[in-house]
N, C-alpha and C. Protein backbone atom coordinates (compact mmCIF):
# COMPACT_ATOMS: atom_id res chain seq x y z
N GLY A 1 0.68 -1.10 0.52
CA GLY A 1 0.41 0.07 -0.15
C GLY A 1 0.84 0.99 0.05
N ALA A 2 -0.18 2.65 0.47
CA ALA A 2 1.09 3.15 0.57
C ALA A 2 2.03 4.03 1.41
N ALA A 3 2.05 3.37 2.81
CA ALA A 3 2.67 2.87 3.57
C ALA A 3 4.05 2.56 3.32
N ASP A 4 4.07 1.60 2.22
CA ASP A 4 4.88 0.62 1.76
C ASP A 4 5.66 1.26 1.12
N GLU A 5 5.19 2.23 -0.11
CA GLU A 5 5.76 2.53 -0.48
C GLU A 5 6.81 4.04 -0.49
N GLN A 6 6.31 4.31 0.67
CA GLN A 6 6.65 5.48 1.14
C GLN A 6 7.94 5.12 1.50
N LYS A 7 7.99 3.61 2.63
CA LYS A 7 8.89 3.37 3.36
C LYS A 7 10.14 3.41 2.31
N MET A 8 9.90 2.66 1.04
CA MET A 8 11.13 2.01 0.21
C MET A 8 11.12 3.11 -0.25
N LEU A 9 10.30 4.62 -0.54
CA LEU A 9 11.27 5.65 -0.98
C LEU A 9 12.28 6.41 -0.31
N GLU A 10 12.25 5.93 0.48
CA GLU A 10 13.00 7.07 1.92
C GLU A 10 13.75 6.11 2.16
N LYS A 11 14.05 4.39 2.06
CA LYS A 11 14.83 3.76 1.94
C LYS A 11 16.03 4.08 0.26
N PHE A 12 15.68 4.01 -0.30
CA PHE A 12 16.11 4.31 -1.48
C PHE A 12 16.55 5.85 -1.14
N ALA A 13 15.73 6.97 -0.59
CA ALA A 13 16.54 8.09 -0.97
C ALA A 13 17.71 8.14 0.06
N GLU A 14 17.52 7.52 1.18
CA GLU A 14 18.91 6.99 2.35
C GLU A 14 20.08 6.46 2.00
N LYS A 15 19.67 5.33 0.68
CA LYS A 15 20.74 4.99 0.15
C LYS A 15 21.61 5.52 -0.67
N HIS A 16 20.67 6.58 -1.29
CA HIS A 16 21.30 7.03 -3.19
C HIS A 16 21.92 8.36 -2.43
N GLU A 17 21.53 8.87 -0.70
CA GLU A 17 22.38 10.12 -0.09
C GLU A 17 21.22 11.12 -0.69
N LEU A 18 19.66 11.03 -1.35
CA LEU A 18 19.15 11.78 -1.83
C LEU A 18 18.48 12.94 -0.79
N LYS A 19 18.93 14.45 -0.77
CA LYS A 19 17.75 14.94 -0.43
C LYS A 19 17.27 15.97 -0.50
N HIS A 20 17.10 16.25 -1.63
CA HIS A 20 15.71 16.62 -1.97
C HIS A 20 14.42 16.24 -2.03
N ARG A 21 13.49 16.86 -1.58
CA ARG A 21 12.13 16.60 -1.41
C ARG A 21 11.19 15.12 -2.26
N PHE A 22 10.44 14.80 -2.62
CA PHE A 22 9.87 13.64 -3.35
C PHE A 22 8.49 14.40 -3.44
N ALA A 23 7.49 13.25 -4.30
CA ALA A 23 5.84 14.27 -4.58
C ALA A 23 5.53 12.49 -5.33
N VAL A 24 4.53 12.22 -4.03
CA VAL A 24 4.30 10.35 -4.50
C VAL A 24 3.00 11.15 -4.63
N GLN A 25 1.80 10.95 -5.93
CA GLN A 25 1.40 11.30 -6.18
C GLN A 25 0.02 10.28 -5.81
N GLY A 26 -0.91 10.39 -5.69
CA GLY A 26 -1.85 9.63 -4.98
C GLY A 26 -2.89 9.31 -6.58
N LYS A 27 -4.64 8.70 -6.19
CA LYS A 27 -4.72 8.22 -7.36
C LYS A 27 -5.88 9.30 -7.60
N GLU A 28 -6.83 10.45 -6.59
CA GLU A 28 -7.05 11.93 -6.77
C GLU A 28 -5.89 13.17 -6.86
N SER A 29 -4.78 12.75 -7.65
CA SER A 29 -3.05 13.87 -7.93
C SER A 29 -3.77 14.28 -9.40
N THR A 30 -3.23 15.45 -9.31
CA THR A 30 -3.10 15.94 -10.77
C THR A 30 -1.32 15.95 -11.22
N LEU A 31 -0.58 16.09 -10.15
CA LEU A 31 0.74 16.05 -10.63
C LEU A 31 1.64 15.53 -12.35
N ASP A 32 0.33 14.45 -12.37
CA ASP A 32 0.91 13.45 -13.85
C ASP A 32 0.70 15.05 -15.06
N ASP A 33 -0.44 15.36 -15.02
CA ASP A 33 -0.78 16.49 -15.69
C ASP A 33 -0.09 17.77 -15.33
N TYR A 34 0.25 18.13 -14.54
CA TYR A 34 0.43 19.27 -14.16
C TYR A 34 2.01 19.61 -14.66
N TYR A 35 3.24 18.64 -14.09
CA TYR A 35 4.49 17.84 -15.12
C TYR A 35 4.61 17.47 -15.79
N ALA A 36 3.44 16.98 -16.53
CA ALA A 36 3.54 16.34 -17.40
C ALA A 36 4.19 14.93 -17.43
N VAL A 37 4.17 14.52 -16.58
CA VAL A 37 5.00 13.50 -17.03
C VAL A 37 4.11 12.03 -17.31
N SER A 38 4.91 11.79 -18.42
CA SER A 38 4.77 10.63 -19.39
C SER A 38 5.71 9.29 -19.38
N GLY A 39 6.47 9.34 -18.01
CA GLY A 39 7.53 7.95 -17.73
C GLY A 39 7.88 8.09 -16.51
N ILE A 40 8.04 7.40 -15.85
CA ILE A 40 9.13 7.16 -14.37
C ILE A 40 10.70 6.73 -14.59
N PRO A 41 11.50 7.45 -13.77
CA PRO A 41 11.24 8.55 -13.32
C PRO A 41 11.00 9.80 -13.87
N HIS A 42 10.73 10.97 -13.28
CA HIS A 42 10.20 11.98 -14.10
C HIS A 42 10.66 12.77 -12.64
N VAL A 43 11.28 13.60 -13.11
CA VAL A 43 12.14 14.91 -12.44
C VAL A 43 12.12 16.24 -12.70
N VAL A 44 11.46 16.86 -11.99
CA VAL A 44 11.31 18.17 -11.82
C VAL A 44 12.60 18.63 -11.45
N VAL A 45 12.98 19.64 -11.79
CA VAL A 45 14.25 20.78 -10.90
C VAL A 45 12.69 22.31 -11.08
N ILE A 46 13.09 22.39 -9.63
CA ILE A 46 12.34 23.67 -9.42
C ILE A 46 13.09 25.02 -8.62
N ASP A 47 13.71 25.93 -9.13
CA ASP A 47 14.50 26.58 -8.36
C ASP A 47 14.14 27.53 -7.30
N GLN A 48 14.86 28.44 -6.39
CA GLN A 48 14.32 28.68 -4.99
C GLN A 48 13.44 29.72 -5.57
N GLU A 49 12.95 30.10 -6.78
CA GLU A 49 12.01 31.23 -6.80
C GLU A 49 10.38 30.54 -7.77
N GLY A 50 10.61 29.56 -7.31
CA GLY A 50 9.84 28.44 -7.52
C GLY A 50 9.29 28.39 -9.05
N LYS A 51 10.42 28.35 -9.75
CA LYS A 51 10.11 28.24 -11.21
C LYS A 51 10.71 26.79 -12.15
N ILE A 52 10.06 26.43 -12.65
CA ILE A 52 10.12 25.00 -12.92
C ILE A 52 11.93 25.18 -14.20
N ARG A 53 12.96 24.96 -14.12
CA ARG A 53 14.42 24.78 -14.71
C ARG A 53 14.59 23.89 -15.31
N MET A 54 14.21 22.48 -14.91
CA MET A 54 14.24 21.10 -15.86
C MET A 54 13.20 20.12 -15.60
N MET A 55 12.88 19.45 -17.09
CA MET A 55 12.28 17.99 -16.50
C MET A 55 12.94 17.16 -17.10
N LYS A 56 13.14 15.83 -16.82
CA LYS A 56 13.67 14.56 -17.64
C LYS A 56 12.90 13.61 -16.79
N VAL A 57 12.95 12.79 -18.06
CA VAL A 57 12.56 11.77 -17.88
C VAL A 57 13.33 10.46 -18.27
N GLY A 58 13.35 9.47 -17.33
CA GLY A 58 14.12 8.27 -17.29
C GLY A 58 15.19 8.26 -16.56
N SER A 59 15.85 6.90 -16.10
CA SER A 59 17.16 7.43 -15.54
C SER A 59 18.37 7.16 -16.58
N GLY A 60 19.56 6.76 -15.87
CA GLY A 60 21.22 7.02 -16.86
C GLY A 60 21.56 8.25 -16.79
N GLU A 61 23.14 8.30 -16.71
CA GLU A 61 23.74 9.14 -16.61
C GLU A 61 24.16 10.64 -17.42
N GLU A 62 23.40 10.78 -18.95
CA GLU A 62 22.79 11.95 -19.64
C GLU A 62 22.06 12.21 -18.24
N ASN A 63 21.04 11.96 -18.11
CA ASN A 63 20.52 12.63 -17.14
C ASN A 63 20.46 12.89 -15.89
N ALA A 64 21.77 12.20 -15.01
CA ALA A 64 21.56 12.40 -14.01
C ALA A 64 22.54 13.37 -14.13
N LYS A 65 23.67 13.33 -14.93
CA LYS A 65 24.30 14.52 -14.93
C LYS A 65 23.91 15.94 -15.12
N ALA A 66 22.96 15.90 -16.16
CA ALA A 66 22.31 17.43 -16.42
C ALA A 66 21.67 17.79 -15.35
N ILE A 67 20.59 16.57 -14.63
CA ILE A 67 20.28 17.44 -13.16
C ILE A 67 21.41 17.70 -11.94
N ASP A 68 22.42 17.31 -11.79
CA ASP A 68 23.45 17.47 -10.96
C ASP A 68 24.03 18.78 -11.44
N GLY A 69 24.48 19.03 -12.37
CA GLY A 69 25.09 20.17 -13.40
C GLY A 69 23.86 21.54 -12.67
N LEU A 70 22.93 21.40 -12.81
CA LEU A 70 22.14 22.40 -12.87
C LEU A 70 21.63 22.85 -11.29
N LEU A 71 21.43 21.22 -10.58
CA LEU A 71 21.17 21.32 -8.99
C LEU A 71 22.65 22.66 -8.51
N LYS A 72 24.09 22.13 -8.60
CA LYS A 72 25.51 22.97 -8.19
C LYS A 72 25.01 24.15 -8.99
N GLU A 73 24.34 24.58 -9.95
CA GLU A 73 24.73 25.99 -10.50
C GLU A 73 23.38 26.77 -9.62
N LEU A 74 22.47 26.48 -9.63
CA LEU A 74 21.37 26.98 -8.48
C LEU A 74 21.92 26.91 -6.87
N LEU A 75 22.31 26.36 -6.57
CA LEU A 75 22.79 26.11 -5.22
C LEU A 75 24.22 26.88 -4.87
N ASP A 76 24.83 27.19 -5.71
CA ASP A 76 25.89 28.27 -5.57
C ASP A 76 25.30 29.50 -5.91
N LYS A 77 24.82 29.81 -6.27
CA LYS A 77 23.49 31.23 -6.41
C LYS A 77 23.53 31.87 -4.86
């Protein structure tokens, strides 16, 4: 159920030392429409002003490098 999913997400984040926030969509949520989710994982980077700066679908080295680079740039400001 939902509690099990939440625990798995917490373990995943801890294992990979991920400190950012996660959004978990329930059955009644519209997050997939709002952020144009077309696959999993779907990453949305939102800057300090609340602006969407990047959206990436799928895992892989290229996406990870792009996300990491943008996060470093945003956090250095």
